[in-house]
Every structure is written in structure tokens, then in C-alpha cells.
Amino acid sequence: MKFKAVIFDMDGLLFDTEKVFNKAWQTLADSRGLILDLRMLDQLRGTSGKQMLKIINNYWPEEDEKILMEEVFKVAEVLLKEYVPIKPGAVELLNILQKRSVPMAIATSSPRYLVERNLQVTGFDKFFEAIVCREDIHNGKPDPEIFLKAAEKLKKNAQECIVLEDAVHGVKAGLNAHCKTFMIPDLIQPDEEILNSDVLILKDLNQVIDVLIKNDWI
């Protein structure tokens, strides 16, 4: 079957920004005299909202988790102000989808100001018809809300959409939305649940291009 739209995660999928967020968290922790547990970083990848706040509170219960969440995005914004590292195959994939008139959306746990900044800096803003970000949802990944809203904005059924993700929470959100879901792992590898699902696990976005064309999915 041909799919009618593609929904992209952003951090760790289009942009090599997970390492930037690691640095932002370390900078924030150092400024407040906090000990940063690397397990927290792994658990935070792909999350937003209540789930993100809960994870922060679990590791730093004496701190105001809402303030910390806002501060870390502001630190990341400074780090990404002039240069946003692009993942291999991203430009090629976006160009192919655009040439084939495949609608595209961003569905990310990052705040809108950071999403828009990253897309403008890289010139990727011209590719996307819709953006769904942290402010637009009540329930973060792995809840399917973000992908269902992205499909709705594109005027497609979720089952007609391909989701491209790098993080475990995001992949499970794609599955829960009943989208055709690809995982291109960044810093975290798929867990047993994902390995036993029908998720396609690929090395990079260049492989995504090969699979889409070979299977005549776009």
C-alpha cells in the first residue's frame, strides 16, 4: 500500500540534538550543584509534560521540576542558536518526499519556540505542513496523542501515516497510534517490546529512503 503522509520526530531523528540536550542538562545540574544521573537522561528522551516532570522529580525531589524543565530548554536554545547538526540522510529524504508530494509533519516533545528556531536555522521549515509540539498535547509519548493530532492536521487517518522515531517512548507512541512506525536509534537501542513488534529498525534515514522506494510505500 502507499502511505499518504510521513510524521517526523525532531531531536535525535532529524537533528543530532540529543547530545546537545545532554550538555544542557549537565550545564543546568552544575549551575545548581546537582548530581546528574545518566539514567535520568535516558528516561527523559522523547518525553514531555507530566511524564517529563515526574521523571525530573524522581531524581531531584527537592527541586521545582517545572522550573528545571523550562531552564533546560532555554540552555539548549542558546547552544542551538547558530548551528543545528543534521542527521545523515535527512536532507535527501525530505527532498524526495517533497518531490513526490507526500505531506509531512513534525511531532516533537520540544517547545514550539525551539522547534521553529531549529527548522529556520536548517531551512527545513519549507518541508512541513504541520507542527505538533509540547504545548499542543496533554499526554506525552508513549501516549499516541501527538501522532494522532499530527495526522489530523494533515487531514489523514493515522493508519495512512508513517512515523519516523529514534526514541523508545516515541516508537511506542507511533505503535499506539496505529501508524506504520520506523525506529532509527540514536542514543538508545530498542527494548524487547519493540524488537518483538512490527517496527522497522533501520540504521539511518538513508535506509528509510531505500525501504520506502523498494516497497513502493510513497
N, C-alpha and C. Protein backbone atom coordinates (compact mmCIF):
# COMPACT_ATOMS: atom_id res chain seq x y z
N MET A 1 0.84 -1.19 0.00
CA MET A 1 0.00 0.00 0.00
C MET A 1 0.87 1.24 0.00
N LYS A 2 0.34 2.30 -0.54
CA LYS A 2 1.04 3.57 -0.47
C LYS A 2 0.56 4.35 0.75
N PHE A 3 1.50 4.89 1.50
CA PHE A 3 1.16 5.71 2.65
C PHE A 3 0.98 7.16 2.19
N LYS A 4 0.14 7.89 2.90
CA LYS A 4 -0.28 9.21 2.43
C LYS A 4 0.41 10.37 3.14
N ALA A 5 1.21 10.08 4.17
CA ALA A 5 1.90 11.15 4.89
C ALA A 5 3.02 10.56 5.73
N VAL A 6 3.99 11.40 6.08
CA VAL A 6 5.09 10.98 6.95
C VAL A 6 5.19 11.98 8.10
N ILE A 7 5.26 11.44 9.33
CA ILE A 7 5.36 12.26 10.54
C ILE A 7 6.73 12.02 11.17
N PHE A 8 7.45 13.10 11.38
CA PHE A 8 8.82 13.03 11.89
C PHE A 8 8.88 13.48 13.35
N ASP A 9 9.62 12.72 14.16
CA ASP A 9 10.13 13.27 15.41
C ASP A 9 11.22 14.27 15.02
N MET A 10 11.73 15.03 15.98
CA MET A 10 12.76 16.01 15.65
C MET A 10 14.11 15.67 16.27
N ASP A 11 14.22 15.79 17.60
CA ASP A 11 15.51 15.61 18.26
C ASP A 11 15.97 14.16 18.20
N GLY A 12 17.18 13.96 17.68
CA GLY A 12 17.73 12.61 17.58
C GLY A 12 17.31 11.89 16.31
N LEU A 13 16.37 12.48 15.57
CA LEU A 13 15.86 11.85 14.34
C LEU A 13 16.25 12.69 13.13
N LEU A 14 15.79 13.92 13.07
CA LEU A 14 16.20 14.85 12.02
C LEU A 14 17.50 15.56 12.39
N PHE A 15 17.60 15.91 13.66
CA PHE A 15 18.75 16.68 14.14
C PHE A 15 19.50 15.91 15.21
N ASP A 16 20.80 16.02 15.18
CA ASP A 16 21.65 15.32 16.15
C ASP A 16 21.74 16.16 17.42
N THR A 17 20.58 16.33 18.07
CA THR A 17 20.48 17.26 19.20
C THR A 17 20.37 16.59 20.56
N GLU A 18 20.25 15.27 20.61
CA GLU A 18 20.18 14.63 21.91
C GLU A 18 21.45 14.88 22.72
N LYS A 19 22.59 14.92 22.05
CA LYS A 19 23.85 15.21 22.76
C LYS A 19 23.87 16.65 23.26
N VAL A 20 23.20 17.53 22.51
CA VAL A 20 23.09 18.92 22.95
C VAL A 20 22.27 18.99 24.22
N PHE A 21 21.17 18.23 24.28
CA PHE A 21 20.35 18.22 25.49
C PHE A 21 21.09 17.58 26.66
N ASN A 22 21.91 16.57 26.39
CA ASN A 22 22.74 16.02 27.46
C ASN A 22 23.63 17.11 28.05
N LYS A 23 24.23 17.91 27.18
CA LYS A 23 25.10 19.01 27.64
C LYS A 23 24.29 20.05 28.40
N ALA A 24 23.07 20.33 27.92
CA ALA A 24 22.21 21.31 28.58
C ALA A 24 21.85 20.85 29.99
N TRP A 25 21.52 19.58 30.14
CA TRP A 25 21.20 19.05 31.48
C TRP A 25 22.40 19.11 32.40
N GLN A 26 23.59 18.79 31.86
CA GLN A 26 24.80 18.83 32.69
C GLN A 26 25.10 20.26 33.11
N THR A 27 24.93 21.20 32.18
CA THR A 27 25.15 22.61 32.49
C THR A 27 24.20 23.08 33.58
N LEU A 28 22.94 22.68 33.45
CA LEU A 28 21.94 23.05 34.45
C LEU A 28 22.26 22.44 35.81
N ALA A 29 22.62 21.17 35.81
CA ALA A 29 22.95 20.49 37.06
C ALA A 29 24.15 21.16 37.74
N ASP A 30 25.17 21.47 36.96
CA ASP A 30 26.36 22.10 37.52
C ASP A 30 26.03 23.46 38.13
N SER A 31 25.16 24.20 37.46
CA SER A 31 24.83 25.55 37.94
C SER A 31 24.06 25.51 39.25
N ARG A 32 23.41 24.38 39.53
CA ARG A 32 22.60 24.26 40.75
C ARG A 32 23.22 23.32 41.79
N GLY A 33 24.41 22.81 41.48
CA GLY A 33 25.07 21.90 42.41
C GLY A 33 24.36 20.57 42.54
N LEU A 34 23.78 20.10 41.44
CA LEU A 34 23.04 18.84 41.44
C LEU A 34 23.88 17.74 40.80
N ILE A 35 23.64 16.50 41.23
CA ILE A 35 24.30 15.34 40.63
C ILE A 35 23.41 14.81 39.51
N LEU A 36 23.95 14.73 38.31
CA LEU A 36 23.19 14.26 37.16
C LEU A 36 23.37 12.76 36.98
N ASP A 37 22.28 12.03 37.10
CA ASP A 37 22.29 10.58 36.89
C ASP A 37 21.98 10.32 35.41
N LEU A 38 22.86 9.63 34.71
CA LEU A 38 22.67 9.40 33.28
C LEU A 38 21.40 8.61 32.98
N ARG A 39 20.92 7.85 33.97
CA ARG A 39 19.67 7.12 33.76
C ARG A 39 18.51 8.08 33.57
N MET A 40 18.57 9.23 34.21
CA MET A 40 17.52 10.23 34.03
C MET A 40 17.47 10.69 32.58
N LEU A 41 18.62 10.92 32.00
CA LEU A 41 18.67 11.37 30.60
C LEU A 41 18.03 10.35 29.68
N ASP A 42 18.33 9.08 29.91
CA ASP A 42 17.75 8.02 29.08
C ASP A 42 16.23 7.97 29.22
N GLN A 43 15.75 8.14 30.45
CA GLN A 43 14.31 8.08 30.68
C GLN A 43 13.58 9.30 30.12
N LEU A 44 14.27 10.41 30.01
CA LEU A 44 13.65 11.65 29.54
C LEU A 44 13.51 11.70 28.02
N ARG A 45 14.29 10.91 27.29
CA ARG A 45 14.29 11.03 25.83
C ARG A 45 12.91 10.77 25.25
N GLY A 46 12.43 11.77 24.49
CA GLY A 46 11.14 11.63 23.83
C GLY A 46 9.94 11.94 24.69
N THR A 47 10.15 12.33 25.95
CA THR A 47 9.01 12.60 26.83
C THR A 47 8.69 14.09 26.85
N SER A 48 7.56 14.41 27.45
CA SER A 48 7.17 15.81 27.65
C SER A 48 6.12 15.85 28.75
N GLY A 49 5.73 17.05 29.11
CA GLY A 49 4.60 17.23 30.01
C GLY A 49 4.73 16.54 31.35
N LYS A 50 3.63 15.93 31.78
CA LYS A 50 3.56 15.32 33.10
C LYS A 50 4.60 14.22 33.29
N GLN A 51 4.82 13.44 32.25
CA GLN A 51 5.78 12.35 32.38
C GLN A 51 7.19 12.89 32.57
N MET A 52 7.53 13.92 31.83
CA MET A 52 8.84 14.53 31.98
C MET A 52 9.02 15.11 33.38
N LEU A 53 8.00 15.80 33.86
CA LEU A 53 8.06 16.39 35.21
C LEU A 53 8.22 15.32 36.27
N LYS A 54 7.52 14.21 36.09
CA LYS A 54 7.59 13.11 37.06
C LYS A 54 9.00 12.53 37.13
N ILE A 55 9.64 12.36 35.97
CA ILE A 55 10.99 11.80 35.94
C ILE A 55 11.97 12.74 36.62
N ILE A 56 11.86 14.04 36.32
CA ILE A 56 12.75 15.02 36.96
C ILE A 56 12.57 14.99 38.47
N ASN A 57 11.32 14.95 38.91
CA ASN A 57 11.03 14.93 40.35
C ASN A 57 11.57 13.67 41.03
N ASN A 58 11.56 12.55 40.30
CA ASN A 58 12.07 11.30 40.88
C ASN A 58 13.56 11.40 41.21
N TYR A 59 14.30 12.14 40.39
CA TYR A 59 15.74 12.24 40.59
C TYR A 59 16.13 13.45 41.44
N TRP A 60 15.36 14.54 41.34
CA TRP A 60 15.67 15.75 42.08
C TRP A 60 14.43 16.23 42.84
N PRO A 61 13.98 15.46 43.83
CA PRO A 61 12.71 15.76 44.52
C PRO A 61 12.72 17.09 45.29
N GLU A 62 13.90 17.61 45.60
CA GLU A 62 13.95 18.87 46.35
C GLU A 62 13.85 20.10 45.45
N GLU A 63 13.89 19.87 44.13
CA GLU A 63 13.86 20.99 43.19
C GLU A 63 12.46 21.18 42.61
N ASP A 64 12.22 22.34 42.03
CA ASP A 64 10.97 22.62 41.32
C ASP A 64 11.12 22.10 39.90
N GLU A 65 10.49 20.98 39.60
CA GLU A 65 10.70 20.32 38.32
C GLU A 65 10.20 21.17 37.14
N LYS A 66 9.18 21.99 37.35
CA LYS A 66 8.68 22.84 36.26
C LYS A 66 9.72 23.90 35.87
N ILE A 67 10.37 24.47 36.87
CA ILE A 67 11.41 25.46 36.59
C ILE A 67 12.58 24.81 35.87
N LEU A 68 12.97 23.63 36.33
CA LEU A 68 14.09 22.92 35.70
C LEU A 68 13.78 22.60 34.25
N MET A 69 12.56 22.16 33.97
CA MET A 69 12.19 21.81 32.60
C MET A 69 12.29 23.03 31.68
N GLU A 70 11.80 24.16 32.14
CA GLU A 70 11.87 25.37 31.33
C GLU A 70 13.32 25.82 31.14
N GLU A 71 14.12 25.72 32.21
CA GLU A 71 15.50 26.18 32.13
C GLU A 71 16.33 25.35 31.17
N VAL A 72 16.11 24.05 31.16
CA VAL A 72 16.95 23.20 30.30
C VAL A 72 16.69 23.49 28.82
N PHE A 73 15.44 23.81 28.48
CA PHE A 73 15.14 24.15 27.09
C PHE A 73 15.77 25.49 26.71
N LYS A 74 15.84 26.40 27.67
CA LYS A 74 16.47 27.70 27.39
C LYS A 74 17.98 27.54 27.20
N VAL A 75 18.60 26.67 28.00
CA VAL A 75 20.03 26.40 27.82
C VAL A 75 20.26 25.78 26.44
N ALA A 76 19.40 24.81 26.07
CA ALA A 76 19.54 24.16 24.76
C ALA A 76 19.35 25.16 23.63
N GLU A 77 18.43 26.10 23.81
CA GLU A 77 18.20 27.11 22.77
C GLU A 77 19.47 27.92 22.52
N VAL A 78 20.17 28.27 23.57
CA VAL A 78 21.43 29.02 23.42
C VAL A 78 22.45 28.18 22.66
N LEU A 79 22.56 26.91 23.02
CA LEU A 79 23.53 26.03 22.37
C LEU A 79 23.22 25.84 20.89
N LEU A 80 21.92 25.89 20.54
CA LEU A 80 21.50 25.62 19.17
C LEU A 80 21.23 26.90 18.37
N LYS A 81 21.60 28.02 18.92
CA LYS A 81 21.22 29.29 18.32
C LYS A 81 21.72 29.47 16.89
N GLU A 82 22.95 29.06 16.63
CA GLU A 82 23.53 29.31 15.32
C GLU A 82 23.77 28.05 14.50
N TYR A 83 23.82 26.89 15.15
CA TYR A 83 24.13 25.67 14.41
C TYR A 83 23.32 24.51 14.96
N VAL A 84 22.60 23.84 14.07
CA VAL A 84 21.83 22.66 14.43
C VAL A 84 22.36 21.49 13.59
N PRO A 85 23.00 20.51 14.21
CA PRO A 85 23.57 19.39 13.45
C PRO A 85 22.48 18.51 12.84
N ILE A 86 22.60 18.24 11.54
CA ILE A 86 21.59 17.49 10.80
C ILE A 86 22.01 16.03 10.68
N LYS A 87 21.06 15.12 10.86
CA LYS A 87 21.33 13.69 10.77
C LYS A 87 21.56 13.26 9.31
N PRO A 88 22.41 12.25 9.10
CA PRO A 88 22.66 11.75 7.74
C PRO A 88 21.36 11.30 7.07
N GLY A 89 21.19 11.71 5.83
CA GLY A 89 20.03 11.29 5.05
C GLY A 89 18.81 12.18 5.20
N ALA A 90 18.84 13.11 6.15
CA ALA A 90 17.65 13.93 6.41
C ALA A 90 17.30 14.80 5.21
N VAL A 91 18.27 15.51 4.67
CA VAL A 91 18.02 16.41 3.54
C VAL A 91 17.51 15.61 2.35
N GLU A 92 18.15 14.49 2.07
CA GLU A 92 17.77 13.67 0.92
C GLU A 92 16.35 13.13 1.07
N LEU A 93 16.01 12.66 2.26
CA LEU A 93 14.67 12.11 2.49
C LEU A 93 13.60 13.18 2.34
N LEU A 94 13.83 14.34 2.93
CA LEU A 94 12.84 15.42 2.85
C LEU A 94 12.64 15.87 1.41
N ASN A 95 13.70 15.95 0.65
CA ASN A 95 13.59 16.36 -0.75
C ASN A 95 12.81 15.34 -1.58
N ILE A 96 13.06 14.07 -1.34
CA ILE A 96 12.35 13.02 -2.08
C ILE A 96 10.86 13.05 -1.75
N LEU A 97 10.53 13.18 -0.47
CA LEU A 97 9.12 13.22 -0.08
C LEU A 97 8.43 14.45 -0.67
N GLN A 98 9.11 15.58 -0.66
CA GLN A 98 8.53 16.79 -1.22
C GLN A 98 8.30 16.65 -2.73
N LYS A 99 9.27 16.09 -3.44
CA LYS A 99 9.13 15.90 -4.88
C LYS A 99 7.98 14.98 -5.22
N ARG A 100 7.69 14.03 -4.32
CA ARG A 100 6.59 13.09 -4.55
C ARG A 100 5.28 13.59 -3.93
N SER A 101 5.30 14.83 -3.47
CA SER A 101 4.09 15.47 -2.92
C SER A 101 3.51 14.71 -1.73
N VAL A 102 4.41 14.16 -0.90
CA VAL A 102 3.98 13.47 0.33
C VAL A 102 3.92 14.49 1.46
N PRO A 103 2.75 14.72 2.07
CA PRO A 103 2.65 15.68 3.17
C PRO A 103 3.50 15.23 4.36
N MET A 104 4.10 16.21 5.04
CA MET A 104 4.96 15.91 6.18
C MET A 104 4.61 16.77 7.38
N ALA A 105 4.80 16.20 8.56
CA ALA A 105 4.56 16.92 9.81
C ALA A 105 5.68 16.62 10.79
N ILE A 106 5.88 17.55 11.72
CA ILE A 106 6.78 17.34 12.87
C ILE A 106 5.92 17.05 14.08
N ALA A 107 6.31 16.05 14.86
CA ALA A 107 5.62 15.74 16.12
C ALA A 107 6.70 15.54 17.18
N THR A 108 6.89 16.55 18.03
CA THR A 108 8.03 16.55 18.94
C THR A 108 7.65 17.00 20.34
N SER A 109 8.39 16.51 21.31
CA SER A 109 8.17 16.89 22.70
C SER A 109 8.82 18.22 23.05
N SER A 110 9.55 18.80 22.13
CA SER A 110 10.19 20.09 22.38
C SER A 110 9.18 21.24 22.31
N PRO A 111 9.49 22.37 22.94
CA PRO A 111 8.59 23.53 22.88
C PRO A 111 8.62 24.19 21.50
N ARG A 112 7.54 24.88 21.16
CA ARG A 112 7.39 25.43 19.82
C ARG A 112 8.51 26.41 19.44
N TYR A 113 8.92 27.27 20.37
CA TYR A 113 9.94 28.25 20.00
C TYR A 113 11.24 27.57 19.58
N LEU A 114 11.56 26.42 20.21
CA LEU A 114 12.79 25.71 19.86
C LEU A 114 12.63 24.97 18.53
N VAL A 115 11.45 24.42 18.32
CA VAL A 115 11.17 23.73 17.05
C VAL A 115 11.30 24.71 15.89
N GLU A 116 10.64 25.85 16.01
CA GLU A 116 10.67 26.84 14.93
C GLU A 116 12.08 27.36 14.69
N ARG A 117 12.84 27.55 15.77
CA ARG A 117 14.22 28.01 15.64
C ARG A 117 15.05 26.98 14.87
N ASN A 118 14.95 25.72 15.26
CA ASN A 118 15.73 24.67 14.59
C ASN A 118 15.37 24.55 13.11
N LEU A 119 14.08 24.62 12.81
CA LEU A 119 13.64 24.48 11.42
C LEU A 119 14.10 25.67 10.59
N GLN A 120 14.09 26.86 11.16
CA GLN A 120 14.53 28.05 10.43
C GLN A 120 16.04 28.04 10.20
N VAL A 121 16.79 27.66 11.23
CA VAL A 121 18.25 27.64 11.11
C VAL A 121 18.70 26.67 10.02
N THR A 122 18.02 25.53 9.92
CA THR A 122 18.39 24.49 8.95
C THR A 122 17.72 24.68 7.60
N GLY A 123 16.70 25.54 7.52
CA GLY A 123 15.94 25.69 6.29
C GLY A 123 14.92 24.59 6.07
N PHE A 124 14.67 23.80 7.10
CA PHE A 124 13.73 22.68 6.99
C PHE A 124 12.27 23.13 7.12
N ASP A 125 12.05 24.38 7.49
CA ASP A 125 10.67 24.84 7.70
C ASP A 125 9.84 24.75 6.42
N LYS A 126 10.48 24.78 5.26
CA LYS A 126 9.75 24.75 3.98
C LYS A 126 9.14 23.38 3.69
N PHE A 127 9.56 22.35 4.42
CA PHE A 127 9.11 20.99 4.11
C PHE A 127 7.81 20.60 4.83
N PHE A 128 7.49 21.24 5.93
CA PHE A 128 6.44 20.71 6.82
C PHE A 128 5.15 21.50 6.76
N GLU A 129 4.06 20.76 6.59
CA GLU A 129 2.73 21.37 6.55
C GLU A 129 2.15 21.55 7.95
N ALA A 130 2.67 20.81 8.91
CA ALA A 130 2.10 20.88 10.27
C ALA A 130 3.18 20.62 11.29
N ILE A 131 3.02 21.24 12.45
CA ILE A 131 3.90 21.01 13.60
C ILE A 131 3.02 20.77 14.82
N VAL A 132 3.30 19.68 15.54
CA VAL A 132 2.66 19.42 16.82
C VAL A 132 3.78 19.31 17.84
N CYS A 133 3.72 20.14 18.88
CA CYS A 133 4.82 20.18 19.85
C CYS A 133 4.27 20.12 21.28
N ARG A 134 5.14 20.37 22.22
CA ARG A 134 4.81 20.18 23.64
C ARG A 134 3.55 20.92 24.06
N GLU A 135 3.39 22.14 23.58
CA GLU A 135 2.26 22.96 24.01
C GLU A 135 0.91 22.46 23.48
N ASP A 136 0.95 21.60 22.47
CA ASP A 136 -0.28 21.19 21.79
C ASP A 136 -0.91 19.93 22.37
N ILE A 137 -0.24 19.29 23.32
CA ILE A 137 -0.74 17.99 23.80
C ILE A 137 -0.88 17.99 25.32
N HIS A 138 -1.74 17.11 25.79
CA HIS A 138 -1.92 16.90 27.22
C HIS A 138 -1.10 15.71 27.73
N ASN A 139 -0.92 14.73 26.87
CA ASN A 139 -0.24 13.49 27.26
C ASN A 139 0.97 13.26 26.37
N GLY A 140 2.15 13.14 26.99
CA GLY A 140 3.37 12.93 26.23
C GLY A 140 3.53 11.50 25.75
N LYS A 141 4.47 11.31 24.83
CA LYS A 141 4.82 9.97 24.37
C LYS A 141 5.20 9.11 25.58
N PRO A 142 4.80 7.86 25.64
CA PRO A 142 4.28 6.97 24.60
C PRO A 142 2.77 7.05 24.33
N ASP A 143 2.07 7.99 24.94
CA ASP A 143 0.68 8.19 24.57
C ASP A 143 0.62 8.58 23.08
N PRO A 144 -0.36 8.09 22.33
CA PRO A 144 -0.42 8.35 20.88
C PRO A 144 -0.92 9.74 20.50
N GLU A 145 -1.32 10.56 21.49
CA GLU A 145 -1.98 11.83 21.19
C GLU A 145 -1.22 12.67 20.17
N ILE A 146 0.08 12.79 20.31
CA ILE A 146 0.84 13.69 19.46
C ILE A 146 0.80 13.26 18.00
N PHE A 147 0.83 11.96 17.73
CA PHE A 147 0.79 11.48 16.35
C PHE A 147 -0.62 11.53 15.78
N LEU A 148 -1.61 11.30 16.63
CA LEU A 148 -3.00 11.41 16.18
C LEU A 148 -3.31 12.86 15.79
N LYS A 149 -2.78 13.80 16.55
CA LYS A 149 -3.01 15.22 16.22
C LYS A 149 -2.27 15.61 14.95
N ALA A 150 -1.06 15.08 14.78
CA ALA A 150 -0.31 15.38 13.56
C ALA A 150 -1.05 14.85 12.33
N ALA A 151 -1.55 13.62 12.41
CA ALA A 151 -2.31 13.04 11.30
C ALA A 151 -3.56 13.88 11.02
N GLU A 152 -4.22 14.31 12.08
CA GLU A 152 -5.42 15.13 11.92
C GLU A 152 -5.10 16.44 11.21
N LYS A 153 -4.00 17.07 11.59
CA LYS A 153 -3.60 18.33 10.95
C LYS A 153 -3.29 18.14 9.47
N LEU A 154 -2.79 16.95 9.13
CA LEU A 154 -2.51 16.64 7.73
C LEU A 154 -3.74 16.13 6.99
N LYS A 155 -4.86 16.01 7.74
CA LYS A 155 -6.13 15.51 7.18
C LYS A 155 -5.98 14.07 6.66
N LYS A 156 -5.28 13.25 7.45
CA LYS A 156 -5.09 11.84 7.12
C LYS A 156 -5.51 10.98 8.31
N ASN A 157 -5.85 9.74 8.04
CA ASN A 157 -6.03 8.77 9.12
C ASN A 157 -4.65 8.32 9.59
N ALA A 158 -4.54 8.05 10.88
CA ALA A 158 -3.24 7.65 11.43
C ALA A 158 -2.69 6.41 10.73
N GLN A 159 -3.57 5.49 10.36
CA GLN A 159 -3.13 4.25 9.71
C GLN A 159 -2.54 4.50 8.33
N GLU A 160 -2.78 5.69 7.79
CA GLU A 160 -2.23 6.04 6.48
C GLU A 160 -0.87 6.73 6.59
N CYS A 161 -0.40 6.90 7.82
CA CYS A 161 0.82 7.68 8.06
C CYS A 161 1.99 6.80 8.49
N ILE A 162 3.17 7.20 8.07
CA ILE A 162 4.42 6.61 8.56
C ILE A 162 4.97 7.52 9.64
N VAL A 163 5.39 6.93 10.75
CA VAL A 163 6.05 7.67 11.82
C VAL A 163 7.53 7.28 11.83
N LEU A 164 8.40 8.29 11.88
CA LEU A 164 9.84 8.08 12.00
C LEU A 164 10.30 8.57 13.35
N GLU A 165 10.90 7.68 14.12
CA GLU A 165 11.28 7.98 15.51
C GLU A 165 12.65 7.41 15.82
N ASP A 166 13.31 8.00 16.83
CA ASP A 166 14.59 7.45 17.30
C ASP A 166 14.50 6.91 18.72
N ALA A 167 13.50 7.37 19.50
CA ALA A 167 13.44 7.05 20.93
C ALA A 167 12.37 6.01 21.23
N VAL A 168 12.59 5.26 22.28
CA VAL A 168 11.67 4.18 22.67
C VAL A 168 10.27 4.72 22.94
N HIS A 169 10.16 5.81 23.72
CA HIS A 169 8.85 6.36 24.02
C HIS A 169 8.12 6.78 22.74
N GLY A 170 8.85 7.38 21.81
CA GLY A 170 8.24 7.82 20.57
C GLY A 170 7.79 6.68 19.69
N VAL A 171 8.61 5.64 19.62
CA VAL A 171 8.23 4.46 18.83
C VAL A 171 6.95 3.85 19.37
N LYS A 172 6.85 3.75 20.68
CA LYS A 172 5.65 3.16 21.28
C LYS A 172 4.43 4.06 21.06
N ALA A 173 4.65 5.37 21.02
CA ALA A 173 3.56 6.28 20.70
C ALA A 173 3.08 6.05 19.27
N GLY A 174 4.02 5.84 18.35
CA GLY A 174 3.64 5.55 16.97
C GLY A 174 2.85 4.27 16.85
N LEU A 175 3.28 3.24 17.56
CA LEU A 175 2.55 1.97 17.57
C LEU A 175 1.16 2.15 18.17
N ASN A 176 1.09 2.90 19.26
CA ASN A 176 -0.20 3.11 19.92
C ASN A 176 -1.17 3.92 19.05
N ALA A 177 -0.61 4.72 18.14
CA ALA A 177 -1.45 5.48 17.22
C ALA A 177 -1.83 4.67 15.99
N HIS A 178 -1.29 3.43 15.88
CA HIS A 178 -1.54 2.53 14.75
C HIS A 178 -0.97 3.08 13.44
N CYS A 179 0.14 3.82 13.56
CA CYS A 179 0.87 4.26 12.38
C CYS A 179 1.91 3.21 12.01
N LYS A 180 2.31 3.19 10.74
CA LYS A 180 3.46 2.37 10.36
C LYS A 180 4.69 3.04 10.94
N THR A 181 5.39 2.35 11.83
CA THR A 181 6.42 3.00 12.64
C THR A 181 7.81 2.47 12.33
N PHE A 182 8.74 3.40 12.08
CA PHE A 182 10.15 3.09 11.87
C PHE A 182 10.92 3.60 13.09
N MET A 183 11.95 2.85 13.49
CA MET A 183 12.86 3.32 14.52
C MET A 183 14.26 3.43 13.94
N ILE A 184 14.82 4.62 14.05
CA ILE A 184 16.21 4.85 13.67
C ILE A 184 16.93 5.22 14.96
N PRO A 185 17.46 4.25 15.69
CA PRO A 185 18.01 4.51 17.03
C PRO A 185 19.11 5.56 17.04
N ASP A 186 19.07 6.40 18.07
CA ASP A 186 20.11 7.41 18.25
C ASP A 186 20.99 6.98 19.42
N LEU A 187 20.68 7.42 20.62
CA LEU A 187 21.49 7.07 21.79
C LEU A 187 20.96 5.85 22.54
N ILE A 188 19.72 5.49 22.27
CA ILE A 188 19.08 4.36 22.97
C ILE A 188 18.64 3.31 21.96
N GLN A 189 18.96 2.06 22.25
CA GLN A 189 18.58 0.96 21.37
C GLN A 189 17.16 0.46 21.71
N PRO A 190 16.50 -0.22 20.78
CA PRO A 190 15.14 -0.72 21.02
C PRO A 190 15.10 -1.72 22.15
N ASP A 191 14.00 -1.67 22.92
CA ASP A 191 13.84 -2.65 24.00
C ASP A 191 13.16 -3.90 23.47
N GLU A 192 12.92 -4.86 24.34
CA GLU A 192 12.38 -6.16 23.92
C GLU A 192 11.00 -6.01 23.29
N GLU A 193 10.19 -5.12 23.86
CA GLU A 193 8.84 -4.92 23.32
C GLU A 193 8.89 -4.45 21.87
N ILE A 194 9.78 -3.53 21.58
CA ILE A 194 9.91 -3.03 20.21
C ILE A 194 10.49 -4.09 19.29
N LEU A 195 11.47 -4.83 19.77
CA LEU A 195 12.07 -5.89 18.96
C LEU A 195 11.06 -6.96 18.58
N ASN A 196 10.05 -7.14 19.42
CA ASN A 196 9.03 -8.16 19.17
C ASN A 196 7.80 -7.59 18.46
N SER A 197 7.87 -6.34 18.04
CA SER A 197 6.77 -5.70 17.33
C SER A 197 7.07 -5.68 15.83
N ASP A 198 6.19 -5.03 15.06
CA ASP A 198 6.44 -4.93 13.61
C ASP A 198 7.14 -3.63 13.23
N VAL A 199 7.79 -2.99 14.20
CA VAL A 199 8.56 -1.78 13.93
C VAL A 199 9.75 -2.12 13.03
N LEU A 200 9.98 -1.29 12.03
CA LEU A 200 11.16 -1.43 11.19
C LEU A 200 12.32 -0.67 11.83
N ILE A 201 13.39 -1.37 12.15
CA ILE A 201 14.55 -0.76 12.81
C ILE A 201 15.66 -0.60 11.78
N LEU A 202 16.03 0.65 11.53
CA LEU A 202 16.98 0.95 10.47
C LEU A 202 18.16 1.75 11.02
N LYS A 203 19.24 1.76 10.24
CA LYS A 203 20.49 2.39 10.68
C LYS A 203 20.41 3.91 10.62
N ASP A 204 19.86 4.43 9.53
CA ASP A 204 19.81 5.88 9.35
C ASP A 204 18.70 6.25 8.36
N LEU A 205 18.55 7.53 8.10
CA LEU A 205 17.48 7.99 7.22
C LEU A 205 17.73 7.63 5.76
N ASN A 206 18.98 7.37 5.39
CA ASN A 206 19.25 6.87 4.04
C ASN A 206 18.61 5.51 3.83
N GLN A 207 18.64 4.67 4.85
CA GLN A 207 17.98 3.37 4.76
C GLN A 207 16.47 3.52 4.68
N VAL A 208 15.94 4.54 5.34
CA VAL A 208 14.49 4.81 5.24
C VAL A 208 14.13 5.06 3.77
N ILE A 209 14.92 5.87 3.08
CA ILE A 209 14.67 6.15 1.66
C ILE A 209 14.63 4.84 0.87
N ASP A 210 15.61 3.97 1.08
CA ASP A 210 15.69 2.71 0.35
C ASP A 210 14.45 1.86 0.60
N VAL A 211 14.01 1.76 1.85
CA VAL A 211 12.86 0.92 2.19
C VAL A 211 11.57 1.49 1.59
N LEU A 212 11.39 2.79 1.69
CA LEU A 212 10.18 3.41 1.16
C LEU A 212 10.05 3.19 -0.35
N ILE A 213 11.17 3.36 -1.06
CA ILE A 213 11.14 3.22 -2.52
C ILE A 213 11.02 1.74 -2.92
N LYS A 214 11.78 0.87 -2.27
CA LYS A 214 11.76 -0.55 -2.59
C LYS A 214 10.38 -1.15 -2.42
N ASN A 215 9.67 -0.73 -1.36
CA ASN A 215 8.33 -1.28 -1.09
C ASN A 215 7.20 -0.49 -1.75
N ASP A 216 7.57 0.56 -2.49
CA ASP A 216 6.59 1.40 -3.18
C ASP A 216 5.58 1.95 -2.19
N TRP A 217 6.09 2.45 -1.05
CA TRP A 217 5.23 2.96 0.01
C TRP A 217 4.94 4.47 -0.11
N ILE A 218 5.64 5.14 -1.02
CA ILE A 218 5.40 6.58 -1.19
C ILE A 218 5.24 6.90 -2.69
